Amino acid sequence: MDIAALSMNLSQMKIAQQASISVMKMAMDTVEVQPVDLTQMLEVNTKMMEQSITPHLGKTIDIRL
């Protein structure tokens, strides 16, 4: 194998490794964000369930002077 072909192969391997690392970083970022999104979704769903079960609570205020 000549020097030029070896250099090209090494360059291609380096690019492939960098691409793999970038994909892995993206996957790790996604894993970090998912629990936060899940927690927010559960909070919203809990509020919606509470309002559907007791829709009359919190709608009006009785005040006597």
PDB file of N, CA and C in Angstrom:
ATOM      1  N   MET A   1       0.858  -1.167   0.000  1.00  0.00           N
ATOM      2  CA  MET A   1       0.000   0.000   0.000  1.00  0.00           C
ATOM      3  C   MET A   1       0.909   1.236   0.000  1.00  0.00           C
ATOM      4  N   ASP A   2       0.576   2.181  -0.831  1.00  0.00           N
ATOM      5  CA  ASP A   2       1.414   3.377  -0.886  1.00  0.00           C
ATOM      6  C   ASP A   2       1.009   4.381   0.198  1.00  0.00           C
ATOM      7  N   ILE A   3       1.823   5.392   0.366  1.00  0.00           N
ATOM      8  CA  ILE A   3       1.640   6.391   1.426  1.00  0.00           C
ATOM      9  C   ILE A   3       0.345   7.181   1.229  1.00  0.00           C
ATOM     10  N   ALA A   4       0.003   7.541   0.001  1.00  0.00           N
ATOM     11  CA  ALA A   4      -1.197   8.328  -0.270  1.00  0.00           C
ATOM     12  C   ALA A   4      -2.459   7.552   0.125  1.00  0.00           C
ATOM     13  N   ALA A   5      -2.522   6.291  -0.226  1.00  0.00           N
ATOM     14  CA  ALA A   5      -3.691   5.474   0.107  1.00  0.00           C
ATOM     15  C   ALA A   5      -3.792   5.287   1.625  1.00  0.00           C
ATOM     16  N   LEU A   6      -2.665   5.081   2.277  1.00  0.00           N
ATOM     17  CA  LEU A   6      -2.653   4.935   3.723  1.00  0.00           C
ATOM     18  C   LEU A   6      -3.133   6.216   4.400  1.00  0.00           C
ATOM     19  N   SER A   7      -2.684   7.341   3.892  1.00  0.00           N
ATOM     20  CA  SER A   7      -3.098   8.629   4.442  1.00  0.00           C
ATOM     21  C   SER A   7      -4.605   8.836   4.275  1.00  0.00           C
ATOM     22  N   MET A   8      -5.139   8.472   3.113  1.00  0.00           N
ATOM     23  CA  MET A   8      -6.579   8.616   2.871  1.00  0.00           C
ATOM     24  C   MET A   8      -7.383   7.706   3.793  1.00  0.00           C
ATOM     25  N   ASN A   9      -6.925   6.471   3.970  1.00  0.00           N
ATOM     26  CA  ASN A   9      -7.621   5.540   4.854  1.00  0.00           C
ATOM     27  C   ASN A   9      -7.634   6.039   6.302  1.00  0.00           C
ATOM     28  N   LEU A  10      -6.499   6.548   6.764  1.00  0.00           N
ATOM     29  CA  LEU A  10      -6.427   7.076   8.119  1.00  0.00           C
ATOM     30  C   LEU A  10      -7.343   8.286   8.281  1.00  0.00           C
ATOM     31  N   SER A  11      -7.392   9.136   7.271  1.00  0.00           N
ATOM     32  CA  SER A  11      -8.259  10.310   7.313  1.00  0.00           C
ATOM     33  C   SER A  11      -9.735   9.898   7.370  1.00  0.00           C
ATOM     34  N   GLN A  12     -10.108   8.898   6.566  1.00  0.00           N
ATOM     35  CA  GLN A  12     -11.488   8.430   6.562  1.00  0.00           C
ATOM     36  C   GLN A  12     -11.854   7.792   7.906  1.00  0.00           C
ATOM     37  N   MET A  13     -10.927   7.061   8.502  1.00  0.00           N
ATOM     38  CA  MET A  13     -11.183   6.454   9.810  1.00  0.00           C
ATOM     39  C   MET A  13     -11.363   7.525  10.877  1.00  0.00           C
ATOM     40  N   LYS A  14     -10.566   8.591  10.786  1.00  0.00           N
ATOM     41  CA  LYS A  14     -10.667   9.681  11.747  1.00  0.00           C
ATOM     42  C   LYS A  14     -12.018  10.382  11.626  1.00  0.00           C
ATOM     43  N   ILE A  15     -12.470  10.610  10.405  1.00  0.00           N
ATOM     44  CA  ILE A  15     -13.770  11.246  10.172  1.00  0.00           C
ATOM     45  C   ILE A  15     -14.894  10.350  10.682  1.00  0.00           C
ATOM     46  N   ALA A  16     -14.802   9.059  10.439  1.00  0.00           N
ATOM     47  CA  ALA A  16     -15.822   8.128  10.915  1.00  0.00           C
ATOM     48  C   ALA A  16     -15.873   8.111  12.441  1.00  0.00           C
ATOM     49  N   GLN A  17     -14.727   8.172  13.080  1.00  0.00           N
ATOM     50  CA  GLN A  17     -14.671   8.186  14.544  1.00  0.00           C
ATOM     51  C   GLN A  17     -15.291   9.481  15.081  1.00  0.00           C
ATOM     52  N   GLN A  18     -15.004  10.606  14.451  1.00  0.00           N
ATOM     53  CA  GLN A  18     -15.576  11.874  14.884  1.00  0.00           C
ATOM     54  C   GLN A  18     -17.102  11.866  14.719  1.00  0.00           C
ATOM     55  N   ALA A  19     -17.579  11.288  13.642  1.00  0.00           N
ATOM     56  CA  ALA A  19     -19.022  11.188  13.419  1.00  0.00           C
ATOM     57  C   ALA A  19     -19.662  10.308  14.498  1.00  0.00           C
ATOM     58  N   SER A  20     -19.030   9.209  14.834  1.00  0.00           N
ATOM     59  CA  SER A  20     -19.556   8.322  15.879  1.00  0.00           C
ATOM     60  C   SER A  20     -19.623   9.033  17.224  1.00  0.00           C
ATOM     61  N   ILE A  21     -18.605   9.796  17.528  1.00  0.00           N
ATOM     62  CA  ILE A  21     -18.576  10.538  18.791  1.00  0.00           C
ATOM     63  C   ILE A  21     -19.688  11.591  18.798  1.00  0.00           C
ATOM     64  N   SER A  22     -19.898  12.261  17.683  1.00  0.00           N
ATOM     65  CA  SER A  22     -20.967  13.259  17.604  1.00  0.00           C
ATOM     66  C   SER A  22     -22.335  12.628  17.806  1.00  0.00           C
ATOM     67  N   VAL A  23     -22.572  11.494  17.201  1.00  0.00           N
ATOM     68  CA  VAL A  23     -23.852  10.797  17.361  1.00  0.00           C
ATOM     69  C   VAL A  23     -24.030  10.364  18.812  1.00  0.00           C
ATOM     70  N   MET A  24     -22.963   9.881  19.434  1.00  0.00           N
ATOM     71  CA  MET A  24     -23.041   9.454  20.828  1.00  0.00           C
ATOM     72  C   MET A  24     -23.358  10.637  21.740  1.00  0.00           C
ATOM     73  N   LYS A  25     -22.758  11.797  21.481  1.00  0.00           N
ATOM     74  CA  LYS A  25     -23.044  12.987  22.280  1.00  0.00           C
ATOM     75  C   LYS A  25     -24.502  13.403  22.125  1.00  0.00           C
ATOM     76  N   MET A  26     -25.026  13.330  20.904  1.00  0.00           N
ATOM     77  CA  MET A  26     -26.433  13.666  20.676  1.00  0.00           C
ATOM     78  C   MET A  26     -27.341  12.707  21.437  1.00  0.00           C
ATOM     79  N   ALA A  27     -27.013  11.445  21.436  1.00  0.00           N
ATOM     80  CA  ALA A  27     -27.819  10.451  22.163  1.00  0.00           C
ATOM     81  C   ALA A  27     -27.769  10.718  23.663  1.00  0.00           C
ATOM     82  N   MET A  28     -26.614  11.070  24.180  1.00  0.00           N
ATOM     83  CA  MET A  28     -26.486  11.358  25.607  1.00  0.00           C
ATOM     84  C   MET A  28     -27.283  12.597  25.982  1.00  0.00           C
ATOM     85  N   ASP A  29     -27.278  13.624  25.135  1.00  0.00           N
ATOM     86  CA  ASP A  29     -28.064  14.828  25.389  1.00  0.00           C
ATOM     87  C   ASP A  29     -29.553  14.505  25.403  1.00  0.00           C
ATOM     88  N   THR A  30     -29.985  13.640  24.504  1.00  0.00           N
ATOM     89  CA  THR A  30     -31.393  13.248  24.442  1.00  0.00           C
ATOM     90  C   THR A  30     -31.792  12.522  25.716  1.00  0.00           C
ATOM     91  N   VAL A  31     -30.934  11.664  26.210  1.00  0.00           N
ATOM     92  CA  VAL A  31     -31.222  10.914  27.435  1.00  0.00           C
ATOM     93  C   VAL A  31     -31.321  11.865  28.624  1.00  0.00           C
ATOM     94  N   GLU A  32     -30.534  12.933  28.647  1.00  0.00           N
ATOM     95  CA  GLU A  32     -30.588  13.897  29.742  1.00  0.00           C
ATOM     96  C   GLU A  32     -31.865  14.714  29.699  1.00  0.00           C
ATOM     97  N   VAL A  33     -32.374  15.018  28.526  1.00  0.00           N
ATOM     98  CA  VAL A  33     -33.556  15.862  28.371  1.00  0.00           C
ATOM     99  C   VAL A  33     -34.838  15.076  28.621  1.00  0.00           C
ATOM    100  N   GLN A  34     -34.892  13.808  28.275  1.00  0.00           N
ATOM    101  CA  GLN A  34     -36.115  13.022  28.375  1.00  0.00           C
ATOM    102  C   GLN A  34     -36.704  12.979  29.783  1.00  0.00           C
ATOM    103  N   PRO A  35     -35.931  12.758  30.845  1.00  0.00           N
ATOM    104  CA  PRO A  35     -36.554  12.743  32.179  1.00  0.00           C
ATOM    105  C   PRO A  35     -37.204  14.076  32.543  1.00  0.00           C
ATOM    106  N   VAL A  36     -36.595  15.181  32.143  1.00  0.00           N
ATOM    107  CA  VAL A  36     -37.159  16.499  32.432  1.00  0.00           C
ATOM    108  C   VAL A  36     -38.492  16.649  31.703  1.00  0.00           C
ATOM    109  N   ASP A  37     -38.529  16.277  30.431  1.00  0.00           N
ATOM    110  CA  ASP A  37     -39.770  16.348  29.671  1.00  0.00           C
ATOM    111  C   ASP A  37     -40.834  15.441  30.260  1.00  0.00           C
ATOM    112  N   LEU A  38     -40.448  14.267  30.696  1.00  0.00           N
ATOM    113  CA  LEU A  38     -41.392  13.327  31.291  1.00  0.00           C
ATOM    114  C   LEU A  38     -41.981  13.896  32.576  1.00  0.00           C
ATOM    115  N   THR A  39     -41.149  14.511  33.402  1.00  0.00           N
ATOM    116  CA  THR A  39     -41.618  15.112  34.642  1.00  0.00           C
ATOM    117  C   THR A  39     -42.612  16.238  34.357  1.00  0.00           C
ATOM    118  N   GLN A  40     -42.311  17.090  33.395  1.00  0.00           N
ATOM    119  CA  GLN A  40     -43.214  18.181  33.041  1.00  0.00           C
ATOM    120  C   GLN A  40     -44.536  17.638  32.502  1.00  0.00           C
ATOM    121  N   MET A  41     -44.475  16.617  31.692  1.00  0.00           N
ATOM    122  CA  MET A  41     -45.685  16.031  31.133  1.00  0.00           C
ATOM    123  C   MET A  41     -46.548  15.438  32.244  1.00  0.00           C
ATOM    124  N   LEU A  42     -45.929  14.771  33.207  1.00  0.00           N
ATOM    125  CA  LEU A  42     -46.680  14.203  34.324  1.00  0.00           C
ATOM    126  C   LEU A  42     -47.340  15.286  35.172  1.00  0.00           C
ATOM    127  N   GLU A  43     -46.661  16.416  35.381  1.00  0.00           N
ATOM    128  CA  GLU A  43     -47.235  17.517  36.150  1.00  0.00           C
ATOM    129  C   GLU A  43     -48.459  18.087  35.444  1.00  0.00           C
ATOM    130  N   VAL A  44     -48.358  18.278  34.131  1.00  0.00           N
ATOM    131  CA  VAL A  44     -49.479  18.800  33.354  1.00  0.00           C
ATOM    132  C   VAL A  44     -50.642  17.817  33.386  1.00  0.00           C
ATOM    133  N   ASN A  45     -50.357  16.539  33.211  1.00  0.00           N
ATOM    134  CA  ASN A  45     -51.413  15.532  33.227  1.00  0.00           C
ATOM    135  C   ASN A  45     -52.084  15.455  34.593  1.00  0.00           C
ATOM    136  N   THR A  46     -51.314  15.600  35.660  1.00  0.00           N
ATOM    137  CA  THR A  46     -51.878  15.570  37.009  1.00  0.00           C
ATOM    138  C   THR A  46     -52.837  16.737  37.204  1.00  0.00           C
ATOM    139  N   LYS A  47     -52.449  17.930  36.765  1.00  0.00           N
ATOM    140  CA  LYS A  47     -53.324  19.099  36.878  1.00  0.00           C
ATOM    141  C   LYS A  47     -54.600  18.898  36.068  1.00  0.00           C
ATOM    142  N   MET A  48     -54.464  18.351  34.878  1.00  0.00           N
ATOM    143  CA  MET A  48     -55.640  18.112  34.041  1.00  0.00           C
ATOM    144  C   MET A  48     -56.575  17.104  34.693  1.00  0.00           C
ATOM    145  N   MET A  49     -56.016  16.042  35.283  1.00  0.00           N
ATOM    146  CA  MET A  49     -56.836  15.038  35.956  1.00  0.00           C
ATOM    147  C   MET A  49     -57.559  15.630  37.160  1.00  0.00           C
ATOM    148  N   GLU A  50     -56.862  16.468  37.940  1.00  0.00           N
ATOM    149  CA  GLU A  50     -57.488  17.099  39.095  1.00  0.00           C
ATOM    150  C   GLU A  50     -58.650  17.982  38.671  1.00  0.00           C
ATOM    151  N   GLN A  51     -58.478  18.727  37.591  1.00  0.00           N
ATOM    152  CA  GLN A  51     -59.543  19.602  37.116  1.00  0.00           C
ATOM    153  C   GLN A  51     -60.714  18.804  36.557  1.00  0.00           C
ATOM    154  N   SER A  52     -60.455  17.664  35.963  1.00  0.00           N
ATOM    155  CA  SER A  52     -61.549  16.870  35.409  1.00  0.00           C
ATOM    156  C   SER A  52     -62.345  16.175  36.502  1.00  0.00           C
ATOM    157  N   ILE A  53     -61.692  15.830  37.607  1.00  0.00           N
ATOM    158  CA  ILE A  53     -62.375  15.161  38.709  1.00  0.00           C
ATOM    159  C   ILE A  53     -63.183  16.161  39.532  1.00  0.00           C
ATOM    160  N   THR A  54     -62.613  17.308  39.820  1.00  0.00           N
ATOM    161  CA  THR A  54     -63.292  18.338  40.605  1.00  0.00           C
ATOM    162  C   THR A  54     -63.276  19.658  39.826  1.00  0.00           C
ATOM    163  N   PRO A  55     -64.079  19.766  38.773  1.00  0.00           N
ATOM    164  CA  PRO A  55     -64.024  20.967  37.940  1.00  0.00           C
ATOM    165  C   PRO A  55     -64.575  22.203  38.634  1.00  0.00           C
ATOM    166  N   HIS A  56     -65.380  22.032  39.683  1.00  0.00           N
ATOM    167  CA  HIS A  56     -65.990  23.174  40.349  1.00  0.00           C
ATOM    168  C   HIS A  56     -65.030  23.861  41.327  1.00  0.00           C
ATOM    169  N   LEU A  57     -63.972  23.188  41.738  1.00  0.00           N
ATOM    170  CA  LEU A  57     -63.045  23.787  42.689  1.00  0.00           C
ATOM    171  C   LEU A  57     -62.127  24.790  42.008  1.00  0.00           C
ATOM    172  N   GLY A  58     -61.985  25.939  42.651  1.00  0.00           N
ATOM    173  CA  GLY A  58     -61.077  26.956  42.155  1.00  0.00           C
ATOM    174  C   GLY A  58     -61.652  27.864  41.088  1.00  0.00           C
ATOM    175  N   LYS A  59     -62.912  27.714  40.760  1.00  0.00           N
ATOM    176  CA  LYS A  59     -63.521  28.540  39.716  1.00  0.00           C
ATOM    177  C   LYS A  59     -64.135  29.811  40.278  1.00  0.00           C
ATOM    178  N   THR A  60     -64.701  29.745  41.488  1.00  0.00           N
ATOM    179  CA  THR A  60     -65.349  30.911  42.078  1.00  0.00           C
ATOM    180  C   THR A  60     -64.880  31.104  43.511  1.00  0.00           C
ATOM    181  N   ILE A  61     -65.068  32.337  44.004  1.00  0.00           N
ATOM    182  CA  ILE A  61     -64.718  32.681  45.379  1.00  0.00           C
ATOM    183  C   ILE A  61     -65.941  33.328  46.020  1.00  0.00           C
ATOM    184  N   ASP A  62     -66.356  32.832  47.159  1.00  0.00           N
ATOM    185  CA  ASP A  62     -67.453  33.424  47.902  1.00  0.00           C
ATOM    186  C   ASP A  62     -66.876  34.404  48.922  1.00  0.00           C
ATOM    187  N   ILE A  63     -67.300  35.658  48.822  1.00  0.00           N
ATOM    188  CA  ILE A  63     -66.804  36.688  49.749  1.00  0.00           C
ATOM    189  C   ILE A  63     -68.005  37.364  50.417  1.00  0.00           C
ATOM    190  N   ARG A  64     -67.955  37.490  51.736  1.00  0.00           N
ATOM    191  CA  ARG A  64     -69.002  38.180  52.469  1.00  0.00           C
ATOM    192  C   ARG A  64     -68.366  39.361  53.202  1.00  0.00           C
ATOM    193  N   LEU A  65     -69.006  40.482  53.091  1.00  0.00           N
ATOM    194  CA  LEU A  65     -68.506  41.668  53.776  1.00  0.00           C
ATOM    195  C   LEU A  65     -69.390  42.043  54.933  1.00  0.00           C
TER     196      LEU A  65
END
